[in-house]
């Protein structure tokens, strides 16, 4: 059985969000490993941080630590391993 690559799951969610007019950025923070992959900006809502994974994979230890630090400061971080999960999270956040 083929398990979709992380980048494939991520790209499909990003394309879906962008087609609906949503803004997002890739978090490629040089020297800062463990941060979520993307931050999405719903209109009038709070930013949504998502770490994308292959199906049935979890965040690595460093990622879980960074996500915990963000959550302790009031941010919501999602780990999504399926396209439908990413779309559901973002749809609930409020599309543009």
Protein backbone atom coordinates (compact mmCIF):
# COMPACT_ATOMS: atom_id res chain seq x y z
CA UNK A 1 0.00 0.00 0.00
CA UNK A 2 1.35 3.40 -0.98
CA UNK A 3 1.65 5.90 1.86
CA UNK A 4 1.53 9.45 0.62
CA UNK A 5 4.63 11.48 1.29
CA UNK A 6 4.46 14.30 3.81
CA UNK A 7 5.09 16.87 1.10
CA UNK A 8 2.17 15.49 -0.95
CA UNK A 9 -0.25 15.80 1.98
CA UNK A 10 1.08 19.29 2.73
CA UNK A 11 0.87 20.49 -0.87
CA UNK A 12 -2.70 19.30 -1.37
CA UNK A 13 -3.85 21.13 1.77
CA UNK A 14 -1.91 24.27 0.77
CA UNK A 15 -3.41 24.21 -2.73
CA UNK A 16 -6.93 23.75 -1.31
CA UNK A 17 -6.43 26.64 1.13
CA UNK A 18 -4.92 28.94 -1.51
CA UNK A 19 -7.74 28.26 -4.01
CA UNK A 20 -10.12 29.56 -1.35
CA UNK A 21 -8.14 32.76 -0.95
CA UNK A 22 -6.35 31.81 2.26
CA UNK A 23 -2.86 33.06 3.09
CA UNK A 24 -0.11 30.81 4.42
CA UNK A 25 3.65 30.62 4.71
CA UNK A 26 6.15 27.79 4.98
CA UNK A 27 8.16 28.01 8.20
CA UNK A 28 11.72 27.37 7.00
CA UNK A 29 13.45 28.97 9.94
CA UNK A 30 17.19 28.65 9.46
CA UNK A 31 18.80 27.26 12.59
CA UNK A 32 15.44 26.64 14.30
CA UNK A 33 14.49 23.01 13.89
CA UNK A 34 11.28 21.45 15.16
CA UNK A 35 8.87 24.21 14.20
CA UNK A 36 5.58 23.34 12.47
CA UNK A 37 5.70 23.18 8.67
CA UNK A 38 3.17 25.91 7.90
CA UNK A 39 1.27 28.78 9.43
CA UNK A 40 -2.14 29.55 7.95
CA UNK A 41 -3.91 32.89 8.35
CA UNK A 42 -7.71 32.76 8.36
CA UNK A 43 -9.38 36.13 7.87
CA UNK A 44 -10.22 37.60 11.27
CA UNK A 45 -9.05 34.50 13.11
CA UNK A 46 -6.02 33.25 14.97
CA UNK A 47 -3.11 31.78 13.02
CA UNK A 48 -3.19 28.00 12.61
CA UNK A 49 0.08 26.09 12.85
CA UNK A 50 0.24 22.67 11.21
CA UNK A 51 2.95 20.02 11.18
CA UNK A 52 2.38 17.64 8.26
CA UNK A 53 3.34 13.97 8.46
CA UNK A 54 2.99 10.80 6.43
CA UNK A 55 -0.02 8.67 7.32
CA UNK A 56 0.32 7.16 10.81
CA UNK A 57 3.48 9.10 11.65
CA UNK A 58 3.82 11.31 14.72
CA UNK A 59 5.89 14.37 15.48
CA UNK A 60 9.54 13.65 16.27
CA UNK A 61 10.79 14.34 19.80
CA UNK A 62 12.20 17.80 18.97
CA UNK A 63 9.02 18.72 17.10
CA UNK A 64 6.85 17.59 20.03
CA UNK A 65 8.99 19.72 22.35
CA UNK A 66 8.68 22.84 20.18
CA UNK A 67 4.95 22.25 19.73
CA UNK A 68 4.65 21.97 23.53
CA UNK A 69 6.48 25.28 23.95
CA UNK A 70 4.10 26.95 21.48
CA UNK A 71 1.03 25.43 23.17
CA UNK A 72 2.27 26.61 26.58
CA UNK A 73 2.18 30.13 25.15
CA UNK A 74 -1.40 29.77 23.94
CA UNK A 75 -0.88 28.72 20.33
CA UNK A 76 -2.70 25.77 18.82
CA UNK A 77 -0.52 23.37 16.86
CA UNK A 78 -1.97 20.51 14.83
CA UNK A 79 -0.19 17.45 13.50
CA UNK A 80 -1.98 16.25 10.35
CA UNK A 81 -1.13 13.06 8.51
CA UNK A 82 -4.12 13.07 6.15
CA UNK A 83 -5.35 15.70 3.71
CA UNK A 84 -8.87 15.55 5.15
CA UNK A 85 -7.51 16.34 8.63
CA UNK A 86 -5.72 19.46 7.39
CA UNK A 87 -8.77 20.63 5.46
CA UNK A 88 -11.02 20.03 8.47
CA UNK A 89 -8.75 21.99 10.82
CA UNK A 90 -8.59 24.91 8.42
CA UNK A 91 -12.30 24.88 7.57
CA UNK A 92 -13.08 25.14 11.28
CA UNK A 93 -10.69 28.08 11.62
CA UNK A 94 -12.70 30.11 9.15
CA UNK A 95 -11.86 30.43 5.49
CA UNK A 96 -11.36 33.80 3.92
